[in-house]
Amino acid sequence: MIDLASLLAKSARGVMREARMQNRLSRRTEANKLRSTLYGVQGGEGESARGIKQHRCDAAVAQLVSEIERYKALAAQ
């Protein structure tokens, strides 16, 4: 006979694990998009591939990165 409680617990753990994996993947994707927006895409062509760093200076990108980190810290509170 199958224990329903253990079956539900295994199912819940599987769902939680899948949710954690999706969260990690979305954060990684967001980080890659942010990095390409700030620094550009290597081997890309056109204005969209250049990134903010090519239009402004290194100091401007560093300031943007620090502001983004500050906003993330505020959102986490």
C-alpha atoms as a PDB file:
ATOM      1  CA  MET A   1       0.000   0.000   0.000  1.00  0.00           C
ATOM      2  CA  ILE A   2       1.297   3.484  -0.884  1.00  0.00           C
ATOM      3  CA  ASP A   3       1.625   6.037   1.909  1.00  0.00           C
ATOM      4  CA  LEU A   4      -0.190   9.136   0.605  1.00  0.00           C
ATOM      5  CA  ALA A   5       1.668  11.546   2.919  1.00  0.00           C
ATOM      6  CA  SER A   6       5.098  10.424   1.727  1.00  0.00           C
ATOM      7  CA  LEU A   7       3.942  10.530  -1.885  1.00  0.00           C
ATOM      8  CA  LEU A   8       2.709  14.127  -1.446  1.00  0.00           C
ATOM      9  CA  ALA A   9       5.933  15.096   0.340  1.00  0.00           C
ATOM     10  CA  LYS A  10       8.028  13.721  -2.529  1.00  0.00           C
ATOM     11  CA  SER A  11       5.826  15.529  -5.027  1.00  0.00           C
ATOM     12  CA  ALA A  12       6.104  18.822  -3.104  1.00  0.00           C
ATOM     13  CA  ARG A  13       9.896  18.487  -2.914  1.00  0.00           C
ATOM     14  CA  GLY A  14      10.009  17.915  -6.662  1.00  0.00           C
ATOM     15  CA  VAL A  15       7.914  21.008  -7.323  1.00  0.00           C
ATOM     16  CA  MET A  16      10.042  23.117  -4.963  1.00  0.00           C
ATOM     17  CA  ARG A  17      13.232  21.861  -6.603  1.00  0.00           C
ATOM     18  CA  GLU A  18      11.905  22.686 -10.054  1.00  0.00           C
ATOM     19  CA  ALA A  19      10.869  26.171  -8.901  1.00  0.00           C
ATOM     20  CA  ARG A  20      14.362  26.785  -7.486  1.00  0.00           C
ATOM     21  CA  MET A  21      15.957  25.703 -10.761  1.00  0.00           C
ATOM     22  CA  GLN A  22      13.675  27.981 -12.790  1.00  0.00           C
ATOM     23  CA  ASN A  23      14.486  30.864 -10.456  1.00  0.00           C
ATOM     24  CA  ARG A  24      18.227  30.288 -10.885  1.00  0.00           C
ATOM     25  CA  LEU A  25      17.883  30.119 -14.654  1.00  0.00           C
ATOM     26  CA  SER A  26      15.856  33.319 -14.816  1.00  0.00           C
ATOM     27  CA  ARG A  27      18.374  35.142 -12.605  1.00  0.00           C
ATOM     28  CA  ARG A  28      21.211  33.907 -14.814  1.00  0.00           C
ATOM     29  CA  THR A  29      19.354  35.048 -17.931  1.00  0.00           C
ATOM     30  CA  GLU A  30      18.671  38.451 -16.379  1.00  0.00           C
ATOM     31  CA  ALA A  31      22.335  38.776 -15.435  1.00  0.00           C
ATOM     32  CA  ASN A  32      23.415  37.909 -18.983  1.00  0.00           C
ATOM     33  CA  LYS A  33      20.997  40.464 -20.461  1.00  0.00           C
ATOM     34  CA  LEU A  34      22.244  43.122 -18.057  1.00  0.00           C
ATOM     35  CA  ARG A  35      25.867  42.317 -18.816  1.00  0.00           C
ATOM     36  CA  SER A  36      25.264  42.531 -22.571  1.00  0.00           C
ATOM     37  CA  THR A  37      23.401  45.824 -22.148  1.00  0.00           C
ATOM     38  CA  LEU A  38      26.213  47.325 -20.110  1.00  0.00           C
ATOM     39  CA  TYR A  39      29.262  45.942 -21.897  1.00  0.00           C
ATOM     40  CA  GLY A  40      27.948  44.956 -25.332  1.00  0.00           C
ATOM     41  CA  VAL A  41      27.955  41.682 -27.207  1.00  0.00           C
ATOM     42  CA  GLN A  42      31.253  40.356 -28.461  1.00  0.00           C
ATOM     43  CA  GLY A  43      31.176  39.707 -32.180  1.00  0.00           C
ATOM     44  CA  GLY A  44      27.866  41.550 -32.595  1.00  0.00           C
ATOM     45  CA  GLU A  45      27.190  44.207 -35.151  1.00  0.00           C
ATOM     46  CA  GLY A  46      25.293  47.475 -35.029  1.00  0.00           C
ATOM     47  CA  GLU A  47      24.347  49.874 -32.262  1.00  0.00           C
ATOM     48  CA  SER A  48      22.485  47.300 -30.183  1.00  0.00           C
ATOM     49  CA  ALA A  49      25.596  45.118 -29.876  1.00  0.00           C
ATOM     50  CA  ARG A  50      27.841  47.916 -28.624  1.00  0.00           C
ATOM     51  CA  GLY A  51      26.460  48.370 -25.123  1.00  0.00           C
ATOM     52  CA  ILE A  52      26.506  51.355 -22.804  1.00  0.00           C
ATOM     53  CA  LYS A  53      30.255  51.120 -22.222  1.00  0.00           C
ATOM     54  CA  GLN A  54      30.941  51.937 -25.881  1.00  0.00           C
ATOM     55  CA  HIS A  55      28.682  55.006 -25.759  1.00  0.00           C
ATOM     56  CA  ARG A  56      29.839  56.301 -22.367  1.00  0.00           C
ATOM     57  CA  CYS A  57      32.960  55.727 -20.283  1.00  0.00           C
ATOM     58  CA  ASP A  58      34.042  53.011 -17.854  1.00  0.00           C
ATOM     59  CA  ALA A  59      33.186  55.249 -14.906  1.00  0.00           C
ATOM     60  CA  ALA A  60      29.582  55.618 -16.103  1.00  0.00           C
ATOM     61  CA  VAL A  61      29.182  51.844 -16.346  1.00  0.00           C
ATOM     62  CA  ALA A  62      30.728  51.387 -12.903  1.00  0.00           C
ATOM     63  CA  GLN A  63      28.279  53.926 -11.485  1.00  0.00           C
ATOM     64  CA  LEU A  64      25.354  52.132 -13.151  1.00  0.00           C
ATOM     65  CA  VAL A  65      26.501  48.794 -11.737  1.00  0.00           C
ATOM     66  CA  SER A  66      26.738  50.241  -8.220  1.00  0.00           C
ATOM     67  CA  GLU A  67      23.259  51.799  -8.528  1.00  0.00           C
ATOM     68  CA  ILE A  68      21.799  48.500  -9.753  1.00  0.00           C
ATOM     69  CA  GLU A  69      23.357  46.669  -6.796  1.00  0.00           C
ATOM     70  CA  ARG A  70      21.992  49.309  -4.419  1.00  0.00           C
ATOM     71  CA  TYR A  71      18.471  48.912  -5.866  1.00  0.00           C
ATOM     72  CA  LYS A  72      18.707  45.127  -5.577  1.00  0.00           C
ATOM     73  CA  ALA A  73      19.715  45.454  -1.933  1.00  0.00           C
ATOM     74  CA  LEU A  74      16.781  47.789  -1.253  1.00  0.00           C
ATOM     75  CA  ALA A  75      14.371  45.429  -2.981  1.00  0.00           C
ATOM     76  CA  ALA A  76      15.631  42.503  -0.898  1.00  0.00           C
ATOM     77  CA  GLN A  77      14.812  44.265   2.363  1.00  0.00           C
END
